[in-house]
Amino acid sequence: MDTTNDSVVSEFVLIGLSNSWEMHLFLFWFFSVFYMGISLGNLFIVFTVITESHLHTPMYFLLASLSLLDLGLSSTTVAKTITNLFTDCKIISFSKCMIQIFFIHVMDGGEMVLLIAMAYDRYTAICKPLHYLIIMSPKMCVFFIVAAWIVGIIHAVSQFVFVINLPFCGPNEVDSFYCDFPRVMKLACVDTYKLEFVIIANSGFISMVTFFSLIISYIFILVTVWKRSSGDLSKAFVTLSAHITVVNLFFTPCMFLLLWPFPTTSLDKCLFIVDFAITLLLNPAIYTLRNKDMRVAMRRLGKRIVGPSGISQ
């Protein structure tokens, strides 16, 4: 079987970017502000976890890894959109489009694994506190990180192989801000309905199973705490609320986009903004504002950066 790409299309045009100058300018500043917030927020989390010795625990190690994936995902999508808006260039080469698709799905797959790992970490810490450091050993943390990348790559490759060999010989306009499987596949010169269904069903199934598994695990943790503490859930809920919020923010737009039976271009664009800009900005804010240890560590780090001369006497 010939596996060479029969494509004669060398580039795609991202027509999701508005032709209106006012909207063009608004989107540029909107995405720029959000990307700056995403970058600074996630880098600050990583830097804080590295420099503060009392944060050298499995939970914060996984949190820093999640922040790096969030930063990579935003750099793959939002940063490219900002560049296109700044240069007024809507063209992306075929190879860069494929690379963008690949890395989006690597990061998404990796984030799913890390969210599962963080849920397991909280389950162990709350339900098996005496065995926590034994179960969540440094080797186990490294295993989760390696597994996240391996699963992300397998997830991306398993879908990417179907798209890379499709013949693209005609239209090349992608009505979106970025390249992704559904929009690009529609431009192929063959009927891709069955392939689209398989890919969307696969991604949707994985997302739904992971999402409901995480929610059930958090419910199980809360029920366990409720039974052990005579109905007092306040401390456990405060600990888990940030994780539950991030899980909902990550999976809800993704599942809605994949499973909604009446997809529209405007809906896709709105979900792009929610999924790749707003959610990625809220993640560091949620984990820092809802976590006492992170707030204390960041204040200490801020004082250290400012120095004695910057502190009022």
C-alpha atoms as a PDB file:
ATOM      1  CA  MET A   1       0.000   0.000   0.000  1.00  0.00           C
ATOM      2  CA  ASP A   2       1.318   3.413  -0.934  1.00  0.00           C
ATOM      3  CA  THR A   3       1.611   5.549   2.175  1.00  0.00           C
ATOM      4  CA  THR A   4       2.878   8.702   0.513  1.00  0.00           C
ATOM      5  CA  ASN A   5       0.811  11.835   0.842  1.00  0.00           C
ATOM      6  CA  ASP A   6      -1.029  12.608  -2.401  1.00  0.00           C
ATOM      7  CA  SER A   7      -1.673  16.201  -1.336  1.00  0.00           C
ATOM      8  CA  VAL A   8      -1.261  19.002  -3.842  1.00  0.00           C
ATOM      9  CA  VAL A   9      -2.319  21.607  -1.259  1.00  0.00           C
ATOM     10  CA  SER A  10       0.805  23.204   0.205  1.00  0.00           C
ATOM     11  CA  GLU A  11      -0.939  25.602   2.580  1.00  0.00           C
ATOM     12  CA  PHE A  12      -4.221  26.354   4.314  1.00  0.00           C
ATOM     13  CA  VAL A  13      -5.981  29.684   4.840  1.00  0.00           C
ATOM     14  CA  LEU A  14      -7.412  30.277   8.334  1.00  0.00           C
ATOM     15  CA  ILE A  15     -10.517  32.301   7.499  1.00  0.00           C
ATOM     16  CA  GLY A  16     -11.743  32.153  11.097  1.00  0.00           C
ATOM     17  CA  LEU A  17      -9.831  35.396  11.614  1.00  0.00           C
ATOM     18  CA  SER A  18     -12.164  38.337  11.075  1.00  0.00           C
ATOM     19  CA  ASN A  19     -11.885  40.599   8.043  1.00  0.00           C
ATOM     20  CA  SER A  20     -13.120  43.557  10.105  1.00  0.00           C
ATOM     21  CA  TRP A  21     -10.217  45.779  11.206  1.00  0.00           C
ATOM     22  CA  GLU A  22     -11.945  46.651  14.498  1.00  0.00           C
ATOM     23  CA  MET A  23     -12.585  42.993  15.346  1.00  0.00           C
ATOM     24  CA  HIS A  24      -9.087  42.131  14.131  1.00  0.00           C
ATOM     25  CA  LEU A  25      -7.578  44.646  16.577  1.00  0.00           C
ATOM     26  CA  PHE A  26      -9.863  43.528  19.416  1.00  0.00           C
ATOM     27  CA  LEU A  27      -8.951  39.858  18.933  1.00  0.00           C
ATOM     28  CA  PHE A  28      -5.237  40.708  18.832  1.00  0.00           C
ATOM     29  CA  TRP A  29      -5.325  42.515  22.186  1.00  0.00           C
ATOM     30  CA  PHE A  30      -7.767  39.992  23.677  1.00  0.00           C
ATOM     31  CA  PHE A  31      -5.585  36.986  22.861  1.00  0.00           C
ATOM     32  CA  SER A  32      -2.382  38.877  23.757  1.00  0.00           C
ATOM     33  CA  VAL A  33      -3.639  39.761  27.250  1.00  0.00           C
ATOM     34  CA  PHE A  34      -4.886  36.232  27.851  1.00  0.00           C
ATOM     35  CA  TYR A  35      -1.680  34.639  26.568  1.00  0.00           C
ATOM     36  CA  MET A  36       0.418  36.904  28.784  1.00  0.00           C
ATOM     37  CA  GLY A  37      -1.741  35.942  31.771  1.00  0.00           C
ATOM     38  CA  ILE A  38      -1.502  32.229  30.910  1.00  0.00           C
ATOM     39  CA  SER A  39       2.276  32.377  30.488  1.00  0.00           C
ATOM     40  CA  LEU A  40       3.004  34.429  33.623  1.00  0.00           C
ATOM     41  CA  GLY A  41       0.539  32.470  35.763  1.00  0.00           C
ATOM     42  CA  ASN A  42       1.822  29.037  34.810  1.00  0.00           C
ATOM     43  CA  LEU A  43       5.497  30.042  34.894  1.00  0.00           C
ATOM     44  CA  PHE A  44       4.985  31.577  38.332  1.00  0.00           C
ATOM     45  CA  ILE A  45       3.467  28.298  39.578  1.00  0.00           C
ATOM     46  CA  VAL A  46       6.390  26.292  38.180  1.00  0.00           C
ATOM     47  CA  PHE A  47       8.961  28.728  39.611  1.00  0.00           C
ATOM     48  CA  THR A  48       7.239  28.765  43.010  1.00  0.00           C
ATOM     49  CA  VAL A  49       7.119  24.964  43.227  1.00  0.00           C
ATOM     50  CA  ILE A  50      10.813  24.727  42.276  1.00  0.00           C
ATOM     51  CA  THR A  51      12.065  27.392  44.717  1.00  0.00           C
ATOM     52  CA  GLU A  52       9.858  26.638  47.756  1.00  0.00           C
ATOM     53  CA  SER A  53      11.140  23.493  49.473  1.00  0.00           C
ATOM     54  CA  HIS A  54       7.896  22.836  51.389  1.00  0.00           C
ATOM     55  CA  LEU A  55       6.112  22.490  48.032  1.00  0.00           C
ATOM     56  CA  HIS A  56       8.368  19.611  46.977  1.00  0.00           C
ATOM     57  CA  THR A  57       5.507  17.127  47.335  1.00  0.00           C
ATOM     58  CA  PRO A  58       3.772  14.865  44.787  1.00  0.00           C
ATOM     59  CA  MET A  59       0.717  17.117  44.487  1.00  0.00           C
ATOM     60  CA  TYR A  60       2.716  20.219  43.601  1.00  0.00           C
ATOM     61  CA  PHE A  61       5.059  18.259  41.351  1.00  0.00           C
ATOM     62  CA  LEU A  62       2.015  17.166  39.328  1.00  0.00           C
ATOM     63  CA  LEU A  63       0.603  20.704  39.452  1.00  0.00           C
ATOM     64  CA  ALA A  64       3.829  22.158  38.032  1.00  0.00           C
ATOM     65  CA  SER A  65       3.786  19.519  35.276  1.00  0.00           C
ATOM     66  CA  LEU A  66       0.175  20.414  34.443  1.00  0.00           C
ATOM     67  CA  SER A  67       1.168  24.092  34.267  1.00  0.00           C
ATOM     68  CA  LEU A  68       3.921  23.265  31.758  1.00  0.00           C
ATOM     69  CA  LEU A  69       1.407  21.384  29.586  1.00  0.00           C
ATOM     70  CA  ASP A  70      -1.026  24.317  29.796  1.00  0.00           C
ATOM     71  CA  LEU A  71       1.773  26.633  28.728  1.00  0.00           C
ATOM     72  CA  GLY A  72       2.657  24.337  25.816  1.00  0.00           C
ATOM     73  CA  LEU A  73      -0.966  24.061  24.701  1.00  0.00           C
ATOM     74  CA  SER A  74      -1.486  27.820  24.737  1.00  0.00           C
ATOM     75  CA  SER A  75       1.786  28.356  22.863  1.00  0.00           C
ATOM     76  CA  THR A  76       0.636  25.887  20.198  1.00  0.00           C
ATOM     77  CA  THR A  77      -2.749  27.558  19.661  1.00  0.00           C
ATOM     78  CA  VAL A  78      -3.130  31.055  21.126  1.00  0.00           C
ATOM     79  CA  ALA A  79       0.424  32.205  20.318  1.00  0.00           C
ATOM     80  CA  LYS A  80      -0.013  31.184  16.663  1.00  0.00           C
ATOM     81  CA  THR A  81      -3.318  33.051  16.502  1.00  0.00           C
ATOM     82  CA  ILE A  82      -1.659  36.199  17.921  1.00  0.00           C
ATOM     83  CA  THR A  83       1.123  35.928  15.326  1.00  0.00           C
ATOM     84  CA  ASN A  84      -1.406  35.620  12.512  1.00  0.00           C
ATOM     85  CA  LEU A  85      -3.354  38.622  13.797  1.00  0.00           C
ATOM     86  CA  PHE A  86      -0.207  40.723  14.215  1.00  0.00           C
ATOM     87  CA  THR A  87       1.172  39.961  10.755  1.00  0.00           C
ATOM     88  CA  ASP A  88      -2.299  39.929   9.144  1.00  0.00           C
ATOM     89  CA  CYS A  89      -1.282  36.564   7.682  1.00  0.00           C
ATOM     90  CA  LYS A  90      -3.981  33.911   7.541  1.00  0.00           C
ATOM     91  CA  ILE A  91      -1.852  31.317   5.765  1.00  0.00           C
ATOM     92  CA  ILE A  92      -0.366  28.270   7.466  1.00  0.00           C
ATOM     93  CA  SER A  93       1.708  25.712   5.571  1.00  0.00           C
ATOM     94  CA  PHE A  94       0.519  22.124   5.282  1.00  0.00           C
ATOM     95  CA  SER A  95       3.381  20.837   7.446  1.00  0.00           C
ATOM     96  CA  LYS A  96       2.863  23.465  10.178  1.00  0.00           C
ATOM     97  CA  CYS A  97      -0.861  22.723  10.178  1.00  0.00           C
ATOM     98  CA  MET A  98      -0.165  19.020  10.716  1.00  0.00           C
ATOM     99  CA  ILE A  99       2.376  19.822  13.464  1.00  0.00           C
ATOM    100  CA  GLN A 100      -0.153  22.047  15.229  1.00  0.00           C
ATOM    101  CA  ILE A 101      -2.805  19.305  15.091  1.00  0.00           C
ATOM    102  CA  PHE A 102      -0.327  16.747  16.421  1.00  0.00           C
ATOM    103  CA  PHE A 103       0.850  18.822  19.387  1.00  0.00           C
ATOM    104  CA  ILE A 104      -2.674  19.907  20.363  1.00  0.00           C
ATOM    105  CA  HIS A 105      -3.666  16.275  20.786  1.00  0.00           C
ATOM    106  CA  VAL A 106      -0.387  15.337  22.524  1.00  0.00           C
ATOM    107  CA  MET A 107      -0.987  18.083  25.109  1.00  0.00           C
ATOM    108  CA  ASP A 108      -4.681  17.224  25.510  1.00  0.00           C
ATOM    109  CA  GLY A 109      -3.933  13.533  26.019  1.00  0.00           C
ATOM    110  CA  GLY A 110      -1.165  14.354  28.482  1.00  0.00           C
ATOM    111  CA  GLU A 111      -3.420  16.668  30.482  1.00  0.00           C
ATOM    112  CA  MET A 112      -6.053  13.941  30.829  1.00  0.00           C
ATOM    113  CA  VAL A 113      -3.455  11.600  32.342  1.00  0.00           C
ATOM    114  CA  LEU A 114      -2.186  14.292  34.728  1.00  0.00           C
ATOM    115  CA  LEU A 115      -5.733  15.110  35.889  1.00  0.00           C
ATOM    116  CA  ILE A 116      -6.217  11.386  36.618  1.00  0.00           C
ATOM    117  CA  ALA A 117      -2.872  11.344  38.459  1.00  0.00           C
ATOM    118  CA  MET A 118      -3.893  14.366  40.554  1.00  0.00           C
ATOM    119  CA  ALA A 119      -7.190  12.691  41.446  1.00  0.00           C
ATOM    120  CA  TYR A 120      -5.298   9.552  42.506  1.00  0.00           C
ATOM    121  CA  ASP A 121      -2.911  11.714  44.548  1.00  0.00           C
ATOM    122  CA  ARG A 122      -5.826  13.324  46.423  1.00  0.00           C
ATOM    123  CA  TYR A 123      -7.493   9.938  46.944  1.00  0.00           C
ATOM    124  CA  THR A 124      -4.279   8.548  48.458  1.00  0.00           C
ATOM    125  CA  ALA A 125      -3.660  11.630  50.625  1.00  0.00           C
ATOM    126  CA  ILE A 126      -7.206  11.707  52.036  1.00  0.00           C
ATOM    127  CA  CYS A 127      -8.186   8.035  52.148  1.00  0.00           C
ATOM    128  CA  LYS A 128      -4.776   6.439  52.834  1.00  0.00           C
ATOM    129  CA  PRO A 129      -2.760   9.147  54.607  1.00  0.00           C
ATOM    130  CA  LEU A 130      -0.437   6.732  56.429  1.00  0.00           C
ATOM    131  CA  HIS A 131       0.681   5.167  53.148  1.00  0.00           C
ATOM    132  CA  TYR A 132       0.708   8.383  51.121  1.00  0.00           C
ATOM    133  CA  LEU A 133       4.475   8.915  50.858  1.00  0.00           C
ATOM    134  CA  ILE A 134       5.037   5.237  50.107  1.00  0.00           C
ATOM    135  CA  ILE A 135       2.423   5.082  47.334  1.00  0.00           C
ATOM    136  CA  MET A 136       3.150   8.524  45.865  1.00  0.00           C
ATOM    137  CA  SER A 137       6.898   8.022  45.796  1.00  0.00           C
ATOM    138  CA  PRO A 138       9.199  10.004  43.482  1.00  0.00           C
ATOM    139  CA  LYS A 139       9.255   6.988  41.134  1.00  0.00           C
ATOM    140  CA  MET A 140       5.450   7.005  40.948  1.00  0.00           C
ATOM    141  CA  CYS A 141       5.405  10.750  40.177  1.00  0.00           C
ATOM    142  CA  VAL A 142       7.953  10.292  37.387  1.00  0.00           C
ATOM    143  CA  PHE A 143       5.891   7.345  36.103  1.00  0.00           C
ATOM    144  CA  PHE A 144       2.814   9.592  35.846  1.00  0.00           C
ATOM    145  CA  ILE A 145       4.747  12.239  33.899  1.00  0.00           C
ATOM    146  CA  VAL A 146       6.219   9.700  31.485  1.00  0.00           C
ATOM    147  CA  ALA A 147       2.814   8.046  31.107  1.00  0.00           C
ATOM    148  CA  ALA A 148       1.237  11.433  30.327  1.00  0.00           C
ATOM    149  CA  TRP A 149       3.611  12.022  27.415  1.00  0.00           C
ATOM    150  CA  ILE A 150       3.367   8.460  26.124  1.00  0.00           C
ATOM    151  CA  VAL A 151      -0.440   8.449  26.235  1.00  0.00           C
ATOM    152  CA  GLY A 152      -0.542  11.911  24.651  1.00  0.00           C
ATOM    153  CA  ILE A 153       1.696  10.803  21.779  1.00  0.00           C
ATOM    154  CA  ILE A 154      -0.261   7.558  21.253  1.00  0.00           C
ATOM    155  CA  HIS A 155      -3.547   9.490  21.297  1.00  0.00           C
ATOM    156  CA  ALA A 156      -2.245  11.966  18.712  1.00  0.00           C
ATOM    157  CA  VAL A 157      -0.619   9.368  16.450  1.00  0.00           C
ATOM    158  CA  SER A 158      -3.675   7.078  16.509  1.00  0.00           C
ATOM    159  CA  GLN A 159      -5.714   9.846  14.870  1.00  0.00           C
ATOM    160  CA  PHE A 160      -2.957  11.646  12.996  1.00  0.00           C
ATOM    161  CA  VAL A 161      -2.107   8.648  10.785  1.00  0.00           C
ATOM    162  CA  PHE A 162      -5.580   8.781   9.243  1.00  0.00           C
ATOM    163  CA  VAL A 163      -5.300  12.455   8.304  1.00  0.00           C
ATOM    164  CA  ILE A 164      -1.714  12.787   7.090  1.00  0.00           C
ATOM    165  CA  ASN A 165      -2.352  10.534   4.072  1.00  0.00           C
ATOM    166  CA  LEU A 166      -5.645  12.085   2.971  1.00  0.00           C
ATOM    167  CA  PRO A 167      -5.538  13.633  -0.519  1.00  0.00           C
ATOM    168  CA  PHE A 168      -5.967  17.432  -0.383  1.00  0.00           C
ATOM    169  CA  CYS A 169      -6.344  18.657  -3.935  1.00  0.00           C
ATOM    170  CA  GLY A 170      -8.923  21.417  -3.913  1.00  0.00           C
ATOM    171  CA  PRO A 171     -10.257  23.867  -1.298  1.00  0.00           C
ATOM    172  CA  ASN A 172      -7.813  25.003   1.380  1.00  0.00           C
ATOM    173  CA  GLU A 173      -9.839  27.420   3.538  1.00  0.00           C
ATOM    174  CA  VAL A 174     -10.184  26.375   7.193  1.00  0.00           C
ATOM    175  CA  ASP A 175     -13.000  28.296   8.874  1.00  0.00           C
ATOM    176  CA  SER A 176     -11.334  28.430  12.273  1.00  0.00           C
ATOM    177  CA  PHE A 177      -8.588  30.140  14.274  1.00  0.00           C
ATOM    178  CA  TYR A 178      -6.375  27.056  14.145  1.00  0.00           C
ATOM    179  CA  CYS A 179      -5.912  23.647  12.499  1.00  0.00           C
ATOM    180  CA  ASP A 180      -7.724  20.650  13.931  1.00  0.00           C
ATOM    181  CA  PHE A 181      -8.948  17.310  12.632  1.00  0.00           C
ATOM    182  CA  PRO A 182     -12.652  17.990  11.890  1.00  0.00           C
ATOM    183  CA  ARG A 183     -12.140  21.227   9.934  1.00  0.00           C
ATOM    184  CA  VAL A 184      -9.104  20.012   7.978  1.00  0.00           C
ATOM    185  CA  MET A 185     -10.633  16.634   7.084  1.00  0.00           C
ATOM    186  CA  LYS A 186     -13.607  18.339   5.453  1.00  0.00           C
ATOM    187  CA  LEU A 187     -11.200  19.744   2.836  1.00  0.00           C
ATOM    188  CA  ALA A 188     -10.031  16.314   1.623  1.00  0.00           C
ATOM    189  CA  CYS A 189     -10.913  15.224  -1.902  1.00  0.00           C
ATOM    190  CA  VAL A 190     -12.562  12.030  -0.659  1.00  0.00           C
ATOM    191  CA  ASP A 191     -15.603  11.273   1.467  1.00  0.00           C
ATOM    192  CA  THR A 192     -14.380  11.471   5.067  1.00  0.00           C
ATOM    193  CA  TYR A 193     -17.712  11.095   6.850  1.00  0.00           C
ATOM    194  CA  LYS A 194     -16.881   7.655   8.302  1.00  0.00           C
ATOM    195  CA  LEU A 195     -13.375   8.764   9.268  1.00  0.00           C
ATOM    196  CA  GLU A 196     -14.704  11.912  10.955  1.00  0.00           C
ATOM    197  CA  PHE A 197     -17.231   9.817  12.849  1.00  0.00           C
ATOM    198  CA  VAL A 198     -14.556   7.376  14.054  1.00  0.00           C
ATOM    199  CA  ILE A 199     -12.174  10.127  15.201  1.00  0.00           C
ATOM    200  CA  ILE A 200     -14.876  12.225  16.895  1.00  0.00           C
ATOM    201  CA  ALA A 201     -16.454   9.146  18.510  1.00  0.00           C
ATOM    202  CA  ASN A 202     -13.034   8.013  19.736  1.00  0.00           C
ATOM    203  CA  SER A 203     -12.137  11.403  21.227  1.00  0.00           C
ATOM    204  CA  GLY A 204     -15.628  11.854  22.640  1.00  0.00           C
ATOM    205  CA  PHE A 205     -15.634   8.419  24.244  1.00  0.00           C
ATOM    206  CA  ILE A 206     -12.200   8.937  25.820  1.00  0.00           C
ATOM    207  CA  SER A 207     -13.198  12.380  27.114  1.00  0.00           C
ATOM    208  CA  MET A 208     -16.506  11.188  28.568  1.00  0.00           C
ATOM    209  CA  VAL A 209     -15.015   8.100  30.243  1.00  0.00           C
ATOM    210  CA  THR A 210     -12.162  10.134  31.740  1.00  0.00           C
ATOM    211  CA  PHE A 211     -14.469  12.952  32.885  1.00  0.00           C
ATOM    212  CA  PHE A 212     -17.056  10.739  34.582  1.00  0.00           C
ATOM    213  CA  SER A 213     -14.319   8.547  36.103  1.00  0.00           C
ATOM    214  CA  LEU A 214     -12.748  11.643  37.670  1.00  0.00           C
ATOM    215  CA  ILE A 215     -16.081  12.971  38.966  1.00  0.00           C
ATOM    216  CA  ILE A 216     -16.971   9.559  40.429  1.00  0.00           C
ATOM    217  CA  SER A 217     -13.544   9.331  42.092  1.00  0.00           C
ATOM    218  CA  TYR A 218     -13.976  12.747  43.729  1.00  0.00           C
ATOM    219  CA  ILE A 219     -17.479  11.807  44.889  1.00  0.00           C
ATOM    220  CA  PHE A 220     -16.034   8.594  46.359  1.00  0.00           C
ATOM    221  CA  ILE A 221     -13.388  10.605  48.226  1.00  0.00           C
ATOM    222  CA  LEU A 222     -16.026  12.983  49.643  1.00  0.00           C
ATOM    223  CA  VAL A 223     -18.261  10.084  50.720  1.00  0.00           C
ATOM    224  CA  THR A 224     -15.288   8.393  52.409  1.00  0.00           C
ATOM    225  CA  VAL A 225     -14.433  11.591  54.310  1.00  0.00           C
ATOM    226  CA  TRP A 226     -18.099  12.096  55.241  1.00  0.00           C
ATOM    227  CA  LYS A 227     -18.276   8.613  56.772  1.00  0.00           C
ATOM    228  CA  ARG A 228     -15.013   9.043  58.697  1.00  0.00           C
ATOM    229  CA  SER A 229     -15.646  12.569  59.996  1.00  0.00           C
ATOM    230  CA  SER A 230     -19.315  12.336  60.999  1.00  0.00           C
ATOM    231  CA  GLY A 231     -20.573  14.463  58.122  1.00  0.00           C
ATOM    232  CA  ASP A 232     -17.902  17.199  58.170  1.00  0.00           C
ATOM    233  CA  LEU A 233     -16.935  17.687  54.507  1.00  0.00           C
ATOM    234  CA  SER A 234     -15.682  21.276  54.705  1.00  0.00           C
ATOM    235  CA  LYS A 235     -11.928  20.570  54.786  1.00  0.00           C
ATOM    236  CA  ALA A 236     -12.058  17.867  52.102  1.00  0.00           C
ATOM    237  CA  PHE A 237     -14.279  19.965  49.856  1.00  0.00           C
ATOM    238  CA  VAL A 238     -11.929  22.946  50.108  1.00  0.00           C
ATOM    239  CA  THR A 239      -9.029  20.657  49.173  1.00  0.00           C
ATOM    240  CA  LEU A 240     -10.859  19.101  46.216  1.00  0.00           C
ATOM    241  CA  SER A 241     -12.825  22.103  44.931  1.00  0.00           C
ATOM    242  CA  ALA A 242      -9.934  23.439  42.831  1.00  0.00           C
ATOM    243  CA  HIS A 243      -9.385  20.031  41.216  1.00  0.00           C
ATOM    244  CA  ILE A 244     -13.104  19.530  40.479  1.00  0.00           C
ATOM    245  CA  THR A 245     -13.382  23.029  38.987  1.00  0.00           C
ATOM    246  CA  VAL A 246     -10.392  22.494  36.679  1.00  0.00           C
ATOM    247  CA  VAL A 247     -11.721  19.081  35.569  1.00  0.00           C
ATOM    248  CA  ASN A 248     -15.055  20.667  34.620  1.00  0.00           C
ATOM    249  CA  LEU A 249     -13.369  23.559  32.804  1.00  0.00           C
ATOM    250  CA  PHE A 250     -11.130  21.183  30.837  1.00  0.00           C
ATOM    251  CA  PHE A 251     -13.682  18.572  29.765  1.00  0.00           C
ATOM    252  CA  THR A 252     -16.964  20.493  29.348  1.00  0.00           C
ATOM    253  CA  PRO A 253     -15.984  22.555  26.250  1.00  0.00           C
ATOM    254  CA  CYS A 254     -14.171  19.549  24.769  1.00  0.00           C
ATOM    255  CA  MET A 255     -17.151  17.188  25.112  1.00  0.00           C
ATOM    256  CA  PHE A 256     -19.618  19.854  24.004  1.00  0.00           C
ATOM    257  CA  LEU A 257     -17.589  20.490  20.851  1.00  0.00           C
ATOM    258  CA  LEU A 258     -17.249  16.782  20.033  1.00  0.00           C
ATOM    259  CA  LEU A 259     -20.742  15.569  20.948  1.00  0.00           C
ATOM    260  CA  TRP A 260     -23.030  18.508  20.143  1.00  0.00           C
ATOM    261  CA  PRO A 261     -25.210  17.270  17.207  1.00  0.00           C
ATOM    262  CA  PHE A 262     -25.603  20.693  15.572  1.00  0.00           C
ATOM    263  CA  PRO A 263     -22.063  22.109  15.189  1.00  0.00           C
ATOM    264  CA  THR A 264     -21.664  25.626  13.833  1.00  0.00           C
ATOM    265  CA  THR A 265     -18.639  27.713  12.945  1.00  0.00           C
ATOM    266  CA  SER A 266     -19.518  30.412  15.474  1.00  0.00           C
ATOM    267  CA  LEU A 267     -19.871  27.788  18.208  1.00  0.00           C
ATOM    268  CA  ASP A 268     -16.461  26.322  17.310  1.00  0.00           C
ATOM    269  CA  LYS A 269     -14.853  29.751  17.572  1.00  0.00           C
ATOM    270  CA  CYS A 270     -16.478  30.472  20.938  1.00  0.00           C
ATOM    271  CA  LEU A 271     -15.358  27.107  22.312  1.00  0.00           C
ATOM    272  CA  PHE A 272     -11.839  27.758  21.012  1.00  0.00           C
ATOM    273  CA  ILE A 273     -11.744  30.956  23.086  1.00  0.00           C
ATOM    274  CA  VAL A 274     -13.150  29.169  26.147  1.00  0.00           C
ATOM    275  CA  ASP A 275     -10.965  26.051  25.839  1.00  0.00           C
ATOM    276  CA  PHE A 276      -7.614  27.542  24.823  1.00  0.00           C
ATOM    277  CA  ALA A 277      -7.747  31.022  26.356  1.00  0.00           C
ATOM    278  CA  ILE A 278     -10.176  31.407  29.257  1.00  0.00           C
ATOM    279  CA  THR A 279      -9.759  27.908  30.736  1.00  0.00           C
ATOM    280  CA  LEU A 280      -5.955  27.986  30.493  1.00  0.00           C
ATOM    281  CA  LEU A 281      -5.951  31.390  32.212  1.00  0.00           C
ATOM    282  CA  LEU A 282      -8.311  30.256  34.983  1.00  0.00           C
ATOM    283  CA  ASN A 283      -6.333  27.099  35.812  1.00  0.00           C
ATOM    284  CA  PRO A 284      -3.371  28.861  37.512  1.00  0.00           C
ATOM    285  CA  ALA A 285      -5.741  31.340  39.164  1.00  0.00           C
ATOM    286  CA  ILE A 286      -7.881  28.536  40.623  1.00  0.00           C
ATOM    287  CA  TYR A 287      -4.932  26.521  41.900  1.00  0.00           C
ATOM    288  CA  THR A 288      -3.320  29.554  43.547  1.00  0.00           C
ATOM    289  CA  LEU A 289      -6.348  31.425  44.929  1.00  0.00           C
ATOM    290  CA  ARG A 290      -7.992  28.267  46.308  1.00  0.00           C
ATOM    291  CA  ASN A 291      -4.802  26.827  47.804  1.00  0.00           C
ATOM    292  CA  LYS A 292      -3.441  28.260  51.068  1.00  0.00           C
ATOM    293  CA  ASP A 293       0.044  26.758  50.663  1.00  0.00           C
ATOM    294  CA  MET A 294       0.420  28.277  47.189  1.00  0.00           C
ATOM    295  CA  ARG A 295      -0.783  31.701  48.378  1.00  0.00           C
ATOM    296  CA  VAL A 296       1.678  31.703  51.284  1.00  0.00           C
ATOM    297  CA  ALA A 297       4.534  30.490  49.063  1.00  0.00           C
ATOM    298  CA  MET A 298       3.809  33.134  46.417  1.00  0.00           C
ATOM    299  CA  ARG A 299       3.731  35.916  49.004  1.00  0.00           C
ATOM    300  CA  ARG A 300       7.051  34.678  50.397  1.00  0.00           C
ATOM    301  CA  LEU A 301       8.494  34.476  46.893  1.00  0.00           C
ATOM    302  CA  GLY A 302       7.195  37.960  46.096  1.00  0.00           C
ATOM    303  CA  LYS A 303       8.892  39.402  49.169  1.00  0.00           C
ATOM    304  CA  ARG A 304      12.102  37.619  48.241  1.00  0.00           C
ATOM    305  CA  ILE A 305      12.006  39.066  44.715  1.00  0.00           C
ATOM    306  CA  VAL A 306      11.193  42.601  45.901  1.00  0.00           C
ATOM    307  CA  GLY A 307      13.880  42.420  48.598  1.00  0.00           C
ATOM    308  CA  PRO A 308      14.170  44.181  51.949  1.00  0.00           C
ATOM    309  CA  SER A 309      14.338  47.603  50.307  1.00  0.00           C
ATOM    310  CA  GLY A 310      10.937  47.093  48.728  1.00  0.00           C
ATOM    311  CA  ILE A 311       9.214  46.268  52.032  1.00  0.00           C
ATOM    312  CA  SER A 312       7.888  49.144  54.076  1.00  0.00           C
ATOM    313  CA  GLN A 313       9.423  49.486  57.468  1.00  0.00           C
END
